[in-house]
All heavy atoms as atom14 arrays in JSON, in Angstrom:
{
  "sequence": "MQSASREVAALKADSFGRIALMRDHGGLFVRRDLVHVPLWLRVPAWWL",
  "atom14_mask": [
    [1, 1, 1, 1, 1, 1, 1, 1, 0, 0, 0, 0, 0, 0],
    [1, 1, 1, 1, 1, 1, 1, 1, 1, 0, 0, 0, 0, 0],
    [1, 1, 1, 1, 1, 1, 0, 0, 0, 0, 0, 0, 0, 0],
    [1, 1, 1, 1, 1, 0, 0, 0, 0, 0, 0, 0, 0, 0],
    [1, 1, 1, 1, 1, 1, 0, 0, 0, 0, 0, 0, 0, 0],
    [1, 1, 1, 1, 1, 1, 1, 1, 1, 1, 1, 0, 0, 0],
    [1, 1, 1, 1, 1, 1, 1, 1, 1, 0, 0, 0, 0, 0],
    [1, 1, 1, 1, 1, 1, 1, 0, 0, 0, 0, 0, 0, 0],
    [1, 1, 1, 1, 1, 0, 0, 0, 0, 0, 0, 0, 0, 0],
    [1, 1, 1, 1, 1, 0, 0, 0, 0, 0, 0, 0, 0, 0],
    [1, 1, 1, 1, 1, 1, 1, 1, 0, 0, 0, 0, 0, 0],
    [1, 1, 1, 1, 1, 1, 1, 1, 1, 0, 0, 0, 0, 0],
    [1, 1, 1, 1, 1, 0, 0, 0, 0, 0, 0, 0, 0, 0],
    [1, 1, 1, 1, 1, 1, 1, 1, 0, 0, 0, 0, 0, 0],
    [1, 1, 1, 1, 1, 1, 0, 0, 0, 0, 0, 0, 0, 0],
    [1, 1, 1, 1, 1, 1, 1, 1, 1, 1, 1, 0, 0, 0],
    [1, 1, 1, 1, 0, 0, 0, 0, 0, 0, 0, 0, 0, 0],
    [1, 1, 1, 1, 1, 1, 1, 1, 1, 1, 1, 0, 0, 0],
    [1, 1, 1, 1, 1, 1, 1, 1, 0, 0, 0, 0, 0, 0],
    [1, 1, 1, 1, 1, 0, 0, 0, 0, 0, 0, 0, 0, 0],
    [1, 1, 1, 1, 1, 1, 1, 1, 0, 0, 0, 0, 0, 0],
    [1, 1, 1, 1, 1, 1, 1, 1, 0, 0, 0, 0, 0, 0],
    [1, 1, 1, 1, 1, 1, 1, 1, 1, 1, 1, 0, 0, 0],
    [1, 1, 1, 1, 1, 1, 1, 1, 0, 0, 0, 0, 0, 0],
    [1, 1, 1, 1, 1, 1, 1, 1, 1, 1, 0, 0, 0, 0],
    [1, 1, 1, 1, 0, 0, 0, 0, 0, 0, 0, 0, 0, 0],
    [1, 1, 1, 1, 0, 0, 0, 0, 0, 0, 0, 0, 0, 0],
    [1, 1, 1, 1, 1, 1, 1, 1, 0, 0, 0, 0, 0, 0],
    [1, 1, 1, 1, 1, 1, 1, 1, 1, 1, 1, 0, 0, 0],
    [1, 1, 1, 1, 1, 1, 1, 0, 0, 0, 0, 0, 0, 0],
    [1, 1, 1, 1, 1, 1, 1, 1, 1, 1, 1, 0, 0, 0],
    [1, 1, 1, 1, 1, 1, 1, 1, 1, 1, 1, 0, 0, 0],
    [1, 1, 1, 1, 1, 1, 1, 1, 0, 0, 0, 0, 0, 0],
    [1, 1, 1, 1, 1, 1, 1, 1, 0, 0, 0, 0, 0, 0],
    [1, 1, 1, 1, 1, 1, 1, 0, 0, 0, 0, 0, 0, 0],
    [1, 1, 1, 1, 1, 1, 1, 1, 1, 1, 0, 0, 0, 0],
    [1, 1, 1, 1, 1, 1, 1, 0, 0, 0, 0, 0, 0, 0],
    [1, 1, 1, 1, 1, 1, 1, 0, 0, 0, 0, 0, 0, 0],
    [1, 1, 1, 1, 1, 1, 1, 1, 0, 0, 0, 0, 0, 0],
    [1, 1, 1, 1, 1, 1, 1, 1, 1, 1, 1, 1, 1, 1],
    [1, 1, 1, 1, 1, 1, 1, 1, 0, 0, 0, 0, 0, 0],
    [1, 1, 1, 1, 1, 1, 1, 1, 1, 1, 1, 0, 0, 0],
    [1, 1, 1, 1, 1, 1, 1, 0, 0, 0, 0, 0, 0, 0],
    [1, 1, 1, 1, 1, 1, 1, 0, 0, 0, 0, 0, 0, 0],
    [1, 1, 1, 1, 1, 0, 0, 0, 0, 0, 0, 0, 0, 0],
    [1, 1, 1, 1, 1, 1, 1, 1, 1, 1, 1, 1, 1, 1],
    [1, 1, 1, 1, 1, 1, 1, 1, 1, 1, 1, 1, 1, 1],
    [1, 1, 1, 1, 1, 1, 1, 1, 0, 0, 0, 0, 0, 0]
  ],
  "atom14_positions": [
    [[11.31, 7.86, 6.97], [11.1, 8.17, 5.55], [9.66, 7.89, 5.16], [9.02, 8.64, 4.47], [12.07, 7.37, 4.7], [12.21, 7.89, 3.27], [13.5, 7.0, 2.36], [14.95, 7.61, 3.2], [0.0, 0.0, 0.0], [0.0, 0.0, 0.0], [0.0, 0.0, 0.0], [0.0, 0.0, 0.0], [0.0, 0.0, 0.0], [0.0, 0.0, 0.0]],
    [[9.12, 6.75, 5.63], [7.75, 6.41, 5.33], [6.79, 7.37, 6.0], [5.74, 7.68, 5.48], [7.46, 4.96, 5.74], [8.14, 3.94, 4.86], [7.75, 2.53, 5.25], [7.09, 2.28, 6.24], [8.18, 1.58, 4.44], [0.0, 0.0, 0.0], [0.0, 0.0, 0.0], [0.0, 0.0, 0.0], [0.0, 0.0, 0.0], [0.0, 0.0, 0.0]],
    [[7.12, 7.86, 7.23], [6.23, 8.75, 7.96], [6.07, 10.09, 7.26], [5.11, 10.81, 7.47], [6.77, 8.96, 9.38], [8.05, 9.55, 9.34], [0.0, 0.0, 0.0], [0.0, 0.0, 0.0], [0.0, 0.0, 0.0], [0.0, 0.0, 0.0], [0.0, 0.0, 0.0], [0.0, 0.0, 0.0], [0.0, 0.0, 0.0], [0.0, 0.0, 0.0]],
    [[7.05, 10.48, 6.4], [6.99, 11.76, 5.71], [6.23, 11.66, 4.4], [6.05, 12.67, 3.73], [8.41, 12.28, 5.46], [0.0, 0.0, 0.0], [0.0, 0.0, 0.0], [0.0, 0.0, 0.0], [0.0, 0.0, 0.0], [0.0, 0.0, 0.0], [0.0, 0.0, 0.0], [0.0, 0.0, 0.0], [0.0, 0.0, 0.0], [0.0, 0.0, 0.0]],
    [[5.78, 10.47, 4.04], [5.07, 10.3, 2.77], [3.59, 10.59, 2.95], [3.04, 10.48, 4.04], [5.27, 8.88, 2.24], [4.73, 7.93, 3.13], [0.0, 0.0, 0.0], [0.0, 0.0, 0.0], [0.0, 0.0, 0.0], [0.0, 0.0, 0.0], [0.0, 0.0, 0.0], [0.0, 0.0, 0.0], [0.0, 0.0, 0.0], [0.0, 0.0, 0.0]],
    [[2.94, 10.96, 1.84], [1.49, 11.2, 1.87], [0.86, 10.59, 0.64], [1.49, 10.48, -0.42], [1.19, 12.69, 1.95], [1.68, 13.5, 0.75], [1.34, 14.97, 0.91], [1.8, 15.77, -0.22], [1.13, 15.93, -1.36], [-0.07, 15.34, -1.51], [1.63, 16.66, -2.35], [0.0, 0.0, 0.0], [0.0, 0.0, 0.0], [0.0, 0.0, 0.0]],
    [[-0.39, 10.19, 0.76], [-1.1, 9.58, -0.35], [-1.59, 10.65, -1.32], [-2.18, 11.64, -0.9], [-2.27, 8.74, 0.16], [-3.02, 8.03, -0.95], [-4.07, 7.06, -0.43], [-3.78, 6.31, 0.53], [-5.19, 7.07, -0.99], [0.0, 0.0, 0.0], [0.0, 0.0, 0.0], [0.0, 0.0, 0.0], [0.0, 0.0, 0.0], [0.0, 0.0, 0.0]],
    [[-1.36, 10.4, -2.59], [-1.83, 11.31, -3.64], [-3.14, 10.81, -4.24], [-4.07, 11.58, -4.46], [-0.76, 11.44, -4.75], [-1.28, 12.3, -5.91], [0.53, 12.01, -4.19], [0.0, 0.0, 0.0], [0.0, 0.0, 0.0], [0.0, 0.0, 0.0], [0.0, 0.0, 0.0], [0.0, 0.0, 0.0], [0.0, 0.0, 0.0], [0.0, 0.0, 0.0]],
    [[-3.2, 9.49, -4.5], [-4.42, 8.91, -5.07], [-4.45, 7.41, -4.82], [-3.4, 6.76, -4.82], [-4.5, 9.19, -6.57], [0.0, 0.0, 0.0], [0.0, 0.0, 0.0], [0.0, 0.0, 0.0], [0.0, 0.0, 0.0], [0.0, 0.0, 0.0], [0.0, 0.0, 0.0], [0.0, 0.0, 0.0], [0.0, 0.0, 0.0], [0.0, 0.0, 0.0]],
    [[-5.64, 6.89, -4.59], [-5.82, 5.44, -4.48], [-5.89, 4.87, -5.89], [-6.61, 5.38, -6.74], [-7.1, 5.11, -3.71], [0.0, 0.0, 0.0], [0.0, 0.0, 0.0], [0.0, 0.0, 0.0], [0.0, 0.0, 0.0], [0.0, 0.0, 0.0], [0.0, 0.0, 0.0], [0.0, 0.0, 0.0], [0.0, 0.0, 0.0], [0.0, 0.0, 0.0]],
    [[-5.14, 3.82, -6.16], [-5.1, 3.21, -7.49], [-5.91, 1.93, -7.56], [-6.58, 1.67, -8.56], [-3.65, 2.91, -7.89], [-2.69, 4.11, -7.92], [-1.29, 3.65, -8.3], [-3.2, 5.17, -8.9], [0.0, 0.0, 0.0], [0.0, 0.0, 0.0], [0.0, 0.0, 0.0], [0.0, 0.0, 0.0], [0.0, 0.0, 0.0], [0.0, 0.0, 0.0]],
    [[-5.87, 1.13, -6.51], [-6.56, -0.16, -6.53], [-6.62, -0.7, -5.11], [-5.72, -0.48, -4.31], [-5.8, -1.15, -7.43], [-6.39, -2.55, -7.5], [-5.52, -3.46, -8.37], [-6.03, -4.89, -8.38], [-5.16, -5.79, -9.17], [0.0, 0.0, 0.0], [0.0, 0.0, 0.0], [0.0, 0.0, 0.0], [0.0, 0.0, 0.0], [0.0, 0.0, 0.0]],
    [[-7.71, -1.41, -4.81], [-7.82, -2.07, -3.51], [-8.55, -3.38, -3.7], [-9.59, -3.43, -4.37], [-8.55, -1.19, -2.51], [0.0, 0.0, 0.0], [0.0, 0.0, 0.0], [0.0, 0.0, 0.0], [0.0, 0.0, 0.0], [0.0, 0.0, 0.0], [0.0, 0.0, 0.0], [0.0, 0.0, 0.0], [0.0, 0.0, 0.0], [0.0, 0.0, 0.0]],
    [[-7.98, -4.46, -3.16], [-8.65, -5.75, -3.21], [-8.3, -6.51, -1.94], [-7.75, -5.94, -0.99], [-8.28, -6.53, -4.48], [-6.78, -6.75, -4.62], [-6.09, -6.9, -3.58], [-6.28, -6.8, -5.76], [0.0, 0.0, 0.0], [0.0, 0.0, 0.0], [0.0, 0.0, 0.0], [0.0, 0.0, 0.0], [0.0, 0.0, 0.0], [0.0, 0.0, 0.0]],
    [[-8.63, -7.8, -1.93], [-8.43, -8.6, -0.72], [-6.97, -8.8, -0.38], [-6.65, -9.21, 0.74], [-9.11, -9.97, -0.9], [-10.49, -9.81, -1.14], [0.0, 0.0, 0.0], [0.0, 0.0, 0.0], [0.0, 0.0, 0.0], [0.0, 0.0, 0.0], [0.0, 0.0, 0.0], [0.0, 0.0, 0.0], [0.0, 0.0, 0.0], [0.0, 0.0, 0.0]],
    [[-6.06, -8.53, -1.33], [-4.64, -8.77, -1.1], [-3.84, -7.5, -0.85], [-2.62, -7.53, -0.86], [-4.04, -9.54, -2.27], [-4.62, -10.92, -2.41], [-5.51, -11.22, -3.44], [-4.3, -11.92, -1.5], [-6.05, -12.5, -3.56], [-4.84, -13.19, -1.61], [-5.71, -13.48, -2.64], [0.0, 0.0, 0.0], [0.0, 0.0, 0.0], [0.0, 0.0, 0.0]],
    [[-4.54, -6.4, -0.63], [-3.82, -5.18, -0.3], [-4.4, -3.96, -1.0], [-5.29, -4.05, -1.84], [0.0, 0.0, 0.0], [0.0, 0.0, 0.0], [0.0, 0.0, 0.0], [0.0, 0.0, 0.0], [0.0, 0.0, 0.0], [0.0, 0.0, 0.0], [0.0, 0.0, 0.0], [0.0, 0.0, 0.0], [0.0, 0.0, 0.0], [0.0, 0.0, 0.0]],
    [[-3.85, -2.82, -0.63], [-4.28, -1.54, -1.19], [-3.1, -0.91, -1.88], [-1.99, -0.84, -1.33], [-4.79, -0.63, -0.08], [-5.4, 0.68, -0.55], [-6.02, 1.4, 0.65], [-6.77, 2.56, 0.22], [-6.23, 3.77, 0.03], [-4.92, 3.94, 0.23], [-6.96, 4.79, -0.36], [0.0, 0.0, 0.0], [0.0, 0.0, 0.0], [0.0, 0.0, 0.0]],
    [[-3.31, -0.46, -3.12], [-2.25, 0.16, -3.89], [-2.56, 1.64, -4.05], [-3.68, 2.01, -4.45], [-2.1, -0.5, -5.27], [-1.82, -2.0, -5.11], [-0.97, 0.16, -6.06], [-1.77, -2.76, -6.41], [0.0, 0.0, 0.0], [0.0, 0.0, 0.0], [0.0, 0.0, 0.0], [0.0, 0.0, 0.0], [0.0, 0.0, 0.0], [0.0, 0.0, 0.0]],
    [[-1.6, 2.48, -3.72], [-1.82, 3.92, -3.78], [-0.61, 4.63, -4.37], [0.53, 4.15, -4.25], [-2.11, 4.47, -2.39], [0.0, 0.0, 0.0], [0.0, 0.0, 0.0], [0.0, 0.0, 0.0], [0.0, 0.0, 0.0], [0.0, 0.0, 0.0], [0.0, 0.0, 0.0], [0.0, 0.0, 0.0], [0.0, 0.0, 0.0], [0.0, 0.0, 0.0]],
    [[-0.89, 5.74, -5.02], [0.18, 6.62, -5.49], [0.57, 7.53, -4.33], [-0.3, 8.2, -3.74], [-0.31, 7.44, -6.69], [0.71, 8.4, -7.33], [1.88, 7.63, -7.91], [0.03, 9.25, -8.41], [0.0, 0.0, 0.0], [0.0, 0.0, 0.0], [0.0, 0.0, 0.0], [0.0, 0.0, 0.0], [0.0, 0.0, 0.0], [0.0, 0.0, 0.0]],
    [[1.85, 7.54, -4.0], [2.35, 8.27, -2.84], [3.37, 9.33, -3.28], [3.9, 9.28, -4.39], [3.02, 7.31, -1.85], [2.19, 6.09, -1.47], [0.78, 6.47, -0.42], [1.61, 7.02, 1.08], [0.0, 0.0, 0.0], [0.0, 0.0, 0.0], [0.0, 0.0, 0.0], [0.0, 0.0, 0.0], [0.0, 0.0, 0.0], [0.0, 0.0, 0.0]],
    [[3.61, 10.26, -2.36], [4.66, 11.26, -2.59], [5.45, 11.46, -1.3], [4.88, 11.54, -0.21], [4.06, 12.59, -3.04], [5.13, 13.65, -3.38], [4.5, 15.0, -3.68], [3.71, 14.99, -4.89], [4.21, 15.15, -6.12], [5.53, 15.32, -6.29], [3.42, 15.16, -7.16], [0.0, 0.0, 0.0], [0.0, 0.0, 0.0], [0.0, 0.0, 0.0]],
    [[6.77, 11.52, -1.45], [7.62, 11.9, -0.33], [8.65, 12.9, -0.83], [8.5, 13.44, -1.94], [8.26, 10.68, 0.34], [9.22, 9.93, -0.59], [9.52, 10.44, -1.7], [9.68, 8.84, -0.22], [0.0, 0.0, 0.0], [0.0, 0.0, 0.0], [0.0, 0.0, 0.0], [0.0, 0.0, 0.0], [0.0, 0.0, 0.0], [0.0, 0.0, 0.0]],
    [[9.67, 13.15, -0.06], [10.66, 14.16, -0.45], [11.38, 13.8, -1.74], [11.93, 14.66, -2.42], [11.68, 14.34, 0.68], [12.55, 13.15, 0.87], [12.14, 12.03, 1.58], [13.81, 12.87, 0.43], [13.11, 11.15, 1.58], [14.14, 11.62, 0.9], [0.0, 0.0, 0.0], [0.0, 0.0, 0.0], [0.0, 0.0, 0.0], [0.0, 0.0, 0.0]],
    [[11.33, 12.51, -2.12], [12.01, 12.07, -3.34], [11.11, 12.09, -4.57], [11.57, 11.85, -5.69], [0.0, 0.0, 0.0], [0.0, 0.0, 0.0], [0.0, 0.0, 0.0], [0.0, 0.0, 0.0], [0.0, 0.0, 0.0], [0.0, 0.0, 0.0], [0.0, 0.0, 0.0], [0.0, 0.0, 0.0], [0.0, 0.0, 0.0], [0.0, 0.0, 0.0]],
    [[9.83, 12.38, -4.39], [8.9, 12.42, -5.52], [7.82, 11.36, -5.41], [7.53, 10.83, -4.33], [0.0, 0.0, 0.0], [0.0, 0.0, 0.0], [0.0, 0.0, 0.0], [0.0, 0.0, 0.0], [0.0, 0.0, 0.0], [0.0, 0.0, 0.0], [0.0, 0.0, 0.0], [0.0, 0.0, 0.0], [0.0, 0.0, 0.0], [0.0, 0.0, 0.0]],
    [[7.22, 11.0, -6.53], [6.13, 10.04, -6.57], [6.65, 8.61, -6.51], [7.7, 8.29, -7.05], [5.31, 10.22, -7.85], [4.53, 11.53, -8.0], [3.92, 11.63, -9.41], [3.43, 11.64, -6.95], [0.0, 0.0, 0.0], [0.0, 0.0, 0.0], [0.0, 0.0, 0.0], [0.0, 0.0, 0.0], [0.0, 0.0, 0.0], [0.0, 0.0, 0.0]],
    [[5.88, 7.74, -5.86], [6.14, 6.3, -5.88], [4.83, 5.57, -5.63], [3.8, 6.19, -5.31], [7.2, 5.91, -4.84], [6.8, 6.12, -3.41], [6.26, 5.07, -2.66], [6.97, 7.35, -2.79], [5.89, 5.25, -1.33], [6.61, 7.55, -1.46], [6.07, 6.5, -0.73], [0.0, 0.0, 0.0], [0.0, 0.0, 0.0], [0.0, 0.0, 0.0]],
    [[4.83, 4.27, -5.82], [3.63, 3.45, -5.65], [3.82, 2.54, -4.45], [4.87, 1.91, -4.3], [3.34, 2.62, -6.92], [2.13, 1.7, -6.7], [3.09, 3.54, -8.11], [0.0, 0.0, 0.0], [0.0, 0.0, 0.0], [0.0, 0.0, 0.0], [0.0, 0.0, 0.0], [0.0, 0.0, 0.0], [0.0, 0.0, 0.0], [0.0, 0.0, 0.0]],
    [[2.8, 2.45, -3.6], [2.87, 1.62, -2.4], [1.78, 0.54, -2.42], [0.62, 0.83, -2.66], [2.71, 2.46, -1.15], [2.51, 1.66, 0.14], [2.6, 2.53, 1.37], [3.96, 3.03, 1.55], [4.3, 3.99, 2.42], [3.38, 4.55, 3.17], [5.56, 4.37, 2.52], [0.0, 0.0, 0.0], [0.0, 0.0, 0.0], [0.0, 0.0, 0.0]],
    [[2.2, -0.69, -2.15], [1.25, -1.78, -1.87], [1.25, -1.98, -0.36], [2.25, -2.36, 0.23], [1.68, -3.07, -2.58], [0.75, -4.25, -2.31], [1.27, -5.53, -2.94], [1.29, -5.42, -4.4], [0.22, -5.63, -5.17], [-0.92, -5.97, -4.63], [0.33, -5.52, -6.48], [0.0, 0.0, 0.0], [0.0, 0.0, 0.0], [0.0, 0.0, 0.0]],
    [[0.1, -1.73, 0.26], [-0.01, -1.77, 1.71], [-0.88, -2.94, 2.13], [-2.02, -3.08, 1.69], [-0.61, -0.46, 2.21], [-0.37, -0.23, 3.68], [-0.16, -1.22, 4.41], [-0.37, 0.94, 4.12], [0.0, 0.0, 0.0], [0.0, 0.0, 0.0], [0.0, 0.0, 0.0], [0.0, 0.0, 0.0], [0.0, 0.0, 0.0], [0.0, 0.0, 0.0]],
    [[-0.33, -3.8, 3.0], [-1.04, -4.98, 3.45], [-1.72, -4.79, 4.8], [-2.3, -5.73, 5.34], [-0.08, -6.18, 3.56], [0.83, -6.46, 2.36], [1.64, -7.72, 2.63], [0.03, -6.59, 1.08], [0.0, 0.0, 0.0], [0.0, 0.0, 0.0], [0.0, 0.0, 0.0], [0.0, 0.0, 0.0], [0.0, 0.0, 0.0], [0.0, 0.0, 0.0]],
    [[-1.68, -3.59, 5.34], [-2.13, -3.37, 6.71], [-3.61, -3.69, 6.91], [-4.03, -4.11, 8.0], [-1.82, -1.92, 7.15], [-2.66, -0.91, 6.38], [-2.01, -1.76, 8.65], [0.0, 0.0, 0.0], [0.0, 0.0, 0.0], [0.0, 0.0, 0.0], [0.0, 0.0, 0.0], [0.0, 0.0, 0.0], [0.0, 0.0, 0.0], [0.0, 0.0, 0.0]],
    [[-4.44, -3.5, 5.88], [-5.88, -3.73, 6.02], [-6.33, -5.08, 5.44], [-7.53, -5.33, 5.32], [-6.67, -2.6, 5.34], [-6.42, -1.25, 5.95], [-6.68, -0.99, 7.28], [-5.93, -0.1, 5.43], [-6.37, 0.28, 7.55], [-5.9, 0.82, 6.44], [0.0, 0.0, 0.0], [0.0, 0.0, 0.0], [0.0, 0.0, 0.0], [0.0, 0.0, 0.0]],
    [[-5.39, -5.93, 5.09], [-5.75, -7.25, 4.56], [-6.41, -8.08, 5.67], [-5.93, -8.1, 6.81], [-4.49, -7.98, 4.04], [-4.8, -9.43, 3.67], [-3.91, -7.24, 2.85], [0.0, 0.0, 0.0], [0.0, 0.0, 0.0], [0.0, 0.0, 0.0], [0.0, 0.0, 0.0], [0.0, 0.0, 0.0], [0.0, 0.0, 0.0], [0.0, 0.0, 0.0]],
    [[-7.52, -8.76, 5.36], [-8.17, -9.6, 6.38], [-7.2, -10.63, 6.95], [-6.31, -11.12, 6.25], [-9.3, -10.28, 5.6], [-9.56, -9.38, 4.44], [-8.25, -8.76, 4.09], [0.0, 0.0, 0.0], [0.0, 0.0, 0.0], [0.0, 0.0, 0.0], [0.0, 0.0, 0.0], [0.0, 0.0, 0.0], [0.0, 0.0, 0.0], [0.0, 0.0, 0.0]],
    [[-7.38, -10.96, 8.21], [-6.47, -11.86, 8.9], [-6.27, -13.17, 8.16], [-5.16, -13.66, 8.05], [-7.0, -12.12, 10.32], [-6.11, -12.99, 11.22], [-4.76, -12.31, 11.45], [-6.81, -13.27, 12.53], [0.0, 0.0, 0.0], [0.0, 0.0, 0.0], [0.0, 0.0, 0.0], [0.0, 0.0, 0.0], [0.0, 0.0, 0.0], [0.0, 0.0, 0.0]],
    [[-7.36, -13.73, 7.62], [-7.27, -15.05, 6.98], [-6.56, -15.01, 5.63], [-6.21, -16.04, 5.07], [-8.66, -15.66, 6.82], [-9.58, -14.91, 5.88], [-10.23, -13.75, 6.09], [-9.94, -15.32, 4.54], [-10.98, -13.37, 4.99], [-10.82, -14.33, 4.04], [-9.61, -16.42, 3.74], [-11.38, -14.41, 2.77], [-10.17, -16.48, 2.48], [-11.04, -15.5, 2.0]],
    [[-6.3, -13.78, 5.11], [-5.61, -13.66, 3.83], [-4.21, -13.06, 3.98], [-3.53, -12.83, 2.97], [-6.42, -12.79, 2.87], [-7.64, -13.44, 2.21], [-8.4, -12.41, 1.4], [-7.23, -14.62, 1.35], [0.0, 0.0, 0.0], [0.0, 0.0, 0.0], [0.0, 0.0, 0.0], [0.0, 0.0, 0.0], [0.0, 0.0, 0.0], [0.0, 0.0, 0.0]],
    [[-3.76, -12.83, 5.19], [-2.49, -12.15, 5.37], [-1.3, -12.97, 4.87], [-0.36, -12.42, 4.31], [-2.3, -11.77, 6.84], [-3.16, -10.58, 7.24], [-2.93, -10.13, 8.65], [-3.84, -9.04, 8.99], [-3.92, -8.5, 10.18], [-3.14, -8.93, 11.16], [-4.78, -7.52, 10.41], [0.0, 0.0, 0.0], [0.0, 0.0, 0.0], [0.0, 0.0, 0.0]],
    [[-1.34, -14.28, 5.06], [-0.22, -15.1, 4.61], [-0.11, -15.09, 3.08], [0.97, -14.82, 2.54], [-0.31, -16.53, 5.16], [0.72, -17.43, 4.5], [-0.1, -16.54, 6.68], [0.0, 0.0, 0.0], [0.0, 0.0, 0.0], [0.0, 0.0, 0.0], [0.0, 0.0, 0.0], [0.0, 0.0, 0.0], [0.0, 0.0, 0.0], [0.0, 0.0, 0.0]],
    [[-1.21, -15.39, 2.33], [-1.06, -15.32, 0.86], [-0.75, -13.91, 0.36], [-0.01, -13.75, -0.61], [-2.41, -15.82, 0.33], [-3.35, -15.76, 1.48], [-2.52, -15.93, 2.71], [0.0, 0.0, 0.0], [0.0, 0.0, 0.0], [0.0, 0.0, 0.0], [0.0, 0.0, 0.0], [0.0, 0.0, 0.0], [0.0, 0.0, 0.0], [0.0, 0.0, 0.0]],
    [[-1.3, -12.87, 1.01], [-1.01, -11.5, 0.59], [0.46, -11.19, 0.8], [1.12, -10.57, -0.05], [-1.88, -10.52, 1.37], [0.0, 0.0, 0.0], [0.0, 0.0, 0.0], [0.0, 0.0, 0.0], [0.0, 0.0, 0.0], [0.0, 0.0, 0.0], [0.0, 0.0, 0.0], [0.0, 0.0, 0.0], [0.0, 0.0, 0.0], [0.0, 0.0, 0.0]],
    [[1.01, -11.61, 1.95], [2.44, -11.41, 2.23], [3.29, -12.18, 1.22], [4.29, -11.67, 0.73], [2.75, -11.87, 3.65], [4.21, -11.89, 3.97], [4.98, -10.85, 4.41], [5.11, -13.01, 3.83], [6.28, -11.25, 4.56], [6.4, -12.57, 4.21], [4.94, -14.33, 3.43], [7.51, -13.41, 4.2], [6.05, -15.17, 3.42], [7.3, -14.7, 3.8]],
    [[2.88, -13.4, 0.92], [3.64, -14.23, -0.02], [3.69, -13.59, -1.4], [4.75, -13.56, -2.04], [2.99, -15.62, -0.09], [3.7, -16.57, -1.01], [4.83, -17.28, -0.78], [3.29, -16.9, -2.36], [5.17, -18.04, -1.87], [4.24, -17.83, -2.86], [2.23, -16.53, -3.16], [4.14, -18.37, -4.13], [2.14, -17.06, -4.44], [3.09, -17.98, -4.91]],
    [[2.56, -13.04, -1.86], [2.52, -12.39, -3.17], [3.38, -11.13, -3.18], [4.1, -10.86, -4.15], [1.08, -12.06, -3.55], [0.19, -13.24, -3.94], [-1.25, -12.8, -4.05], [0.66, -13.85, -5.26], [0.0, 0.0, 0.0], [0.0, 0.0, 0.0], [0.0, 0.0, 0.0], [0.0, 0.0, 0.0], [0.0, 0.0, 0.0], [0.0, 0.0, 0.0]]
  ]
}
């Protein structure tokens, strides 16, 4: 389901993750992605 989604627009990016407007077969949704969070901030980013 996630693999079929595509990014429509970037909304915000900071040290705790990247937020983007996404679209999949169900319509628009918002994703907070922690994949690019620096290693030393991954625990607090995951906790939040």
